[in-house]
N, C-alpha and C. Protein backbone atom coordinates (compact mmCIF):
# COMPACT_ATOMS: atom_id res chain seq x y z
N MET A 1 -7.26 23.11 -28.89
CA MET A 1 -6.96 22.11 -27.90
C MET A 1 -8.22 21.31 -27.61
N PHE A 2 -8.07 20.01 -27.50
CA PHE A 2 -9.20 19.15 -27.17
C PHE A 2 -8.72 18.07 -26.21
N PHE A 3 -9.66 17.48 -25.53
CA PHE A 3 -9.36 16.42 -24.59
C PHE A 3 -9.83 15.09 -25.16
N LEU A 4 -8.99 14.09 -25.01
CA LEU A 4 -9.34 12.77 -25.51
C LEU A 4 -10.47 12.16 -24.67
N TRP A 5 -10.41 12.37 -23.36
CA TRP A 5 -11.44 11.87 -22.45
C TRP A 5 -11.97 13.03 -21.61
N PRO A 6 -12.89 13.81 -22.14
CA PRO A 6 -13.37 14.97 -21.36
C PRO A 6 -14.16 14.59 -20.11
N GLN A 7 -14.64 13.36 -20.03
CA GLN A 7 -15.40 12.96 -18.84
C GLN A 7 -14.50 12.90 -17.60
N PHE A 8 -13.19 12.78 -17.79
CA PHE A 8 -12.28 12.77 -16.64
C PHE A 8 -12.12 14.15 -16.02
N LEU A 9 -12.55 15.19 -16.72
CA LEU A 9 -12.48 16.53 -16.15
C LEU A 9 -13.42 16.69 -14.96
N TRP A 10 -14.42 15.83 -14.87
CA TRP A 10 -15.31 15.87 -13.71
C TRP A 10 -14.57 15.52 -12.42
N LEU A 11 -13.47 14.77 -12.55
CA LEU A 11 -12.68 14.44 -11.37
C LEU A 11 -12.02 15.66 -10.75
N MET A 12 -11.86 16.72 -11.54
CA MET A 12 -11.28 17.96 -11.02
C MET A 12 -12.17 18.56 -9.92
N LEU A 13 -13.46 18.25 -9.95
CA LEU A 13 -14.35 18.75 -8.91
C LEU A 13 -14.07 18.11 -7.56
N ALA A 14 -13.44 16.95 -7.57
CA ALA A 14 -13.11 16.26 -6.32
C ALA A 14 -11.84 16.80 -5.67
N LEU A 15 -11.07 17.62 -6.38
CA LEU A 15 -9.82 18.13 -5.83
C LEU A 15 -9.99 18.96 -4.56
N PRO A 16 -11.00 19.79 -4.43
CA PRO A 16 -11.14 20.53 -3.16
C PRO A 16 -11.42 19.62 -1.96
N LEU A 17 -11.81 18.39 -2.20
CA LEU A 17 -12.03 17.48 -1.08
C LEU A 17 -10.72 17.00 -0.46
N LEU A 18 -9.65 16.97 -1.23
CA LEU A 18 -8.38 16.48 -0.71
C LEU A 18 -7.84 17.33 0.44
N PRO A 19 -7.78 18.66 0.32
CA PRO A 19 -7.33 19.44 1.49
C PRO A 19 -8.29 19.33 2.68
N ALA A 20 -9.58 19.18 2.41
CA ALA A 20 -10.53 19.03 3.50
C ALA A 20 -10.29 17.72 4.24
N VAL A 21 -10.01 16.66 3.53
CA VAL A 21 -9.71 15.37 4.16
C VAL A 21 -8.40 15.46 4.94
N TYR A 22 -7.42 16.15 4.39
CA TYR A 22 -6.13 16.32 5.06
C TYR A 22 -6.31 17.07 6.39
N LEU A 23 -7.07 18.14 6.37
CA LEU A 23 -7.31 18.89 7.61
C LEU A 23 -8.08 18.06 8.62
N TRP A 24 -9.02 17.26 8.14
CA TRP A 24 -9.78 16.38 9.04
C TRP A 24 -8.84 15.36 9.69
N LEU A 25 -7.92 14.81 8.91
CA LEU A 25 -6.97 13.83 9.46
C LEU A 25 -6.03 14.49 10.47
N LEU A 26 -5.64 15.73 10.24
CA LEU A 26 -4.78 16.42 11.20
C LEU A 26 -5.50 16.64 12.53
N ARG A 27 -6.76 16.98 12.47
CA ARG A 27 -7.52 17.20 13.71
C ARG A 27 -7.80 15.89 14.44
N ARG A 28 -8.03 14.83 13.70
CA ARG A 28 -8.38 13.55 14.29
C ARG A 28 -7.17 12.92 14.98
N ARG A 29 -5.98 13.17 14.45
CA ARG A 29 -4.78 12.53 14.96
C ARG A 29 -4.41 13.00 16.36
N GLY A 30 -4.89 14.13 16.80
CA GLY A 30 -4.53 14.66 18.10
C GLY A 30 -5.07 13.86 19.27
N LYS A 31 -5.98 12.96 19.05
CA LYS A 31 -6.58 12.19 20.14
C LYS A 31 -5.70 11.03 20.60
N GLN A 32 -4.76 10.62 19.77
CA GLN A 32 -3.93 9.49 20.12
C GLN A 32 -2.79 9.93 21.04
N ALA A 33 -2.41 9.05 21.93
CA ALA A 33 -1.31 9.35 22.85
C ALA A 33 -0.13 8.45 22.50
N VAL A 34 1.05 9.06 22.49
CA VAL A 34 2.27 8.32 22.19
C VAL A 34 3.24 8.56 23.33
N ARG A 35 3.91 7.53 23.74
CA ARG A 35 4.86 7.66 24.84
C ARG A 35 6.27 7.75 24.26
N TYR A 36 7.03 8.69 24.81
CA TYR A 36 8.42 8.87 24.42
C TYR A 36 9.30 8.68 25.65
N SER A 37 10.51 8.22 25.41
CA SER A 37 11.42 8.02 26.53
C SER A 37 12.02 9.33 27.02
N SER A 38 12.08 10.32 26.13
CA SER A 38 12.69 11.58 26.52
C SER A 38 11.92 12.73 25.88
N LEU A 39 11.43 13.64 26.69
CA LEU A 39 10.72 14.80 26.16
C LEU A 39 11.67 15.77 25.47
N GLY A 40 12.94 15.75 25.84
CA GLY A 40 13.93 16.60 25.18
C GLY A 40 14.08 16.24 23.70
N THR A 41 14.00 14.96 23.40
CA THR A 41 14.09 14.52 22.00
C THR A 41 12.88 14.99 21.21
N VAL A 42 11.72 14.94 21.82
CA VAL A 42 10.49 15.39 21.16
C VAL A 42 10.54 16.89 20.91
N ARG A 43 10.98 17.65 21.89
CA ARG A 43 11.08 19.11 21.73
C ARG A 43 12.09 19.48 20.65
N ALA A 44 13.19 18.75 20.58
CA ALA A 44 14.20 19.03 19.56
C ALA A 44 13.67 18.70 18.17
N ALA A 45 12.84 17.69 18.06
CA ALA A 45 12.31 17.29 16.76
C ALA A 45 11.20 18.22 16.29
N THR A 46 10.49 18.83 17.21
CA THR A 46 9.35 19.67 16.81
C THR A 46 9.74 21.13 16.61
N THR A 47 10.93 21.54 17.03
CA THR A 47 11.35 22.92 16.78
C THR A 47 11.84 23.05 15.35
N GLY A 48 11.75 24.22 14.81
CA GLY A 48 12.16 24.43 13.43
C GLY A 48 11.03 25.04 12.63
N ARG A 49 10.91 24.60 11.44
CA ARG A 49 9.89 25.14 10.53
C ARG A 49 8.66 24.22 10.53
N PRO A 50 7.57 24.66 11.13
CA PRO A 50 6.38 23.78 11.21
C PRO A 50 5.68 23.59 9.87
N TRP A 51 5.91 24.46 8.90
CA TRP A 51 5.24 24.33 7.60
C TRP A 51 5.82 23.18 6.78
N ARG A 52 7.00 22.69 7.14
CA ARG A 52 7.64 21.63 6.35
C ARG A 52 6.85 20.33 6.34
N ARG A 53 6.09 20.08 7.38
CA ARG A 53 5.34 18.83 7.41
C ARG A 53 4.16 18.85 6.43
N HIS A 54 3.79 20.02 5.94
CA HIS A 54 2.68 20.13 5.00
C HIS A 54 3.15 20.10 3.54
N VAL A 55 4.44 20.09 3.30
CA VAL A 55 4.96 20.10 1.93
C VAL A 55 4.64 18.80 1.18
N PRO A 56 4.89 17.61 1.73
CA PRO A 56 4.56 16.39 0.97
C PRO A 56 3.08 16.27 0.59
N PRO A 57 2.11 16.56 1.49
CA PRO A 57 0.72 16.50 1.04
C PRO A 57 0.40 17.55 -0.03
N ALA A 58 1.02 18.72 0.06
CA ALA A 58 0.79 19.74 -0.97
C ALA A 58 1.33 19.29 -2.32
N LEU A 59 2.49 18.66 -2.33
CA LEU A 59 3.04 18.14 -3.59
C LEU A 59 2.18 17.02 -4.15
N LEU A 60 1.64 16.19 -3.27
CA LEU A 60 0.74 15.12 -3.72
C LEU A 60 -0.52 15.71 -4.33
N PHE A 61 -1.04 16.76 -3.72
CA PHE A 61 -2.22 17.44 -4.25
C PHE A 61 -1.95 18.00 -5.64
N LEU A 62 -0.81 18.66 -5.82
CA LEU A 62 -0.45 19.21 -7.12
C LEU A 62 -0.24 18.12 -8.17
N ALA A 63 0.35 17.01 -7.74
CA ALA A 63 0.57 15.90 -8.67
C ALA A 63 -0.77 15.30 -9.11
N CYS A 64 -1.70 15.16 -8.18
CA CYS A 64 -3.03 14.62 -8.54
C CYS A 64 -3.75 15.56 -9.50
N ALA A 65 -3.63 16.87 -9.26
CA ALA A 65 -4.26 17.84 -10.14
C ALA A 65 -3.65 17.77 -11.53
N GLY A 66 -2.35 17.66 -11.61
CA GLY A 66 -1.68 17.55 -12.91
C GLY A 66 -2.04 16.27 -13.65
N LEU A 67 -2.13 15.17 -12.92
CA LEU A 67 -2.50 13.90 -13.56
C LEU A 67 -3.94 13.92 -14.06
N MET A 68 -4.83 14.53 -13.30
CA MET A 68 -6.23 14.61 -13.75
C MET A 68 -6.36 15.49 -14.97
N LEU A 69 -5.61 16.57 -15.00
CA LEU A 69 -5.66 17.45 -16.16
C LEU A 69 -5.01 16.79 -17.38
N ALA A 70 -3.96 16.02 -17.15
CA ALA A 70 -3.29 15.34 -18.25
C ALA A 70 -4.14 14.19 -18.82
N ALA A 71 -4.95 13.58 -17.97
CA ALA A 71 -5.77 12.47 -18.46
C ALA A 71 -6.87 13.00 -19.35
């Protein structure tokens, strides 16, 4: 097995930065205030499975890793 462009493998070193940036954005977002007309609606929307909101960024991370390896 060989790589056509082995210099792109250096981009794999940047992959650990993506979860770090994601965690930084999660912490930074807490400073903003949003007004809602009904707190009952907010409580109903936030109950359930809290891990589901992390699925799209995790899939994006895996897709980026696969694309870098494929390149």
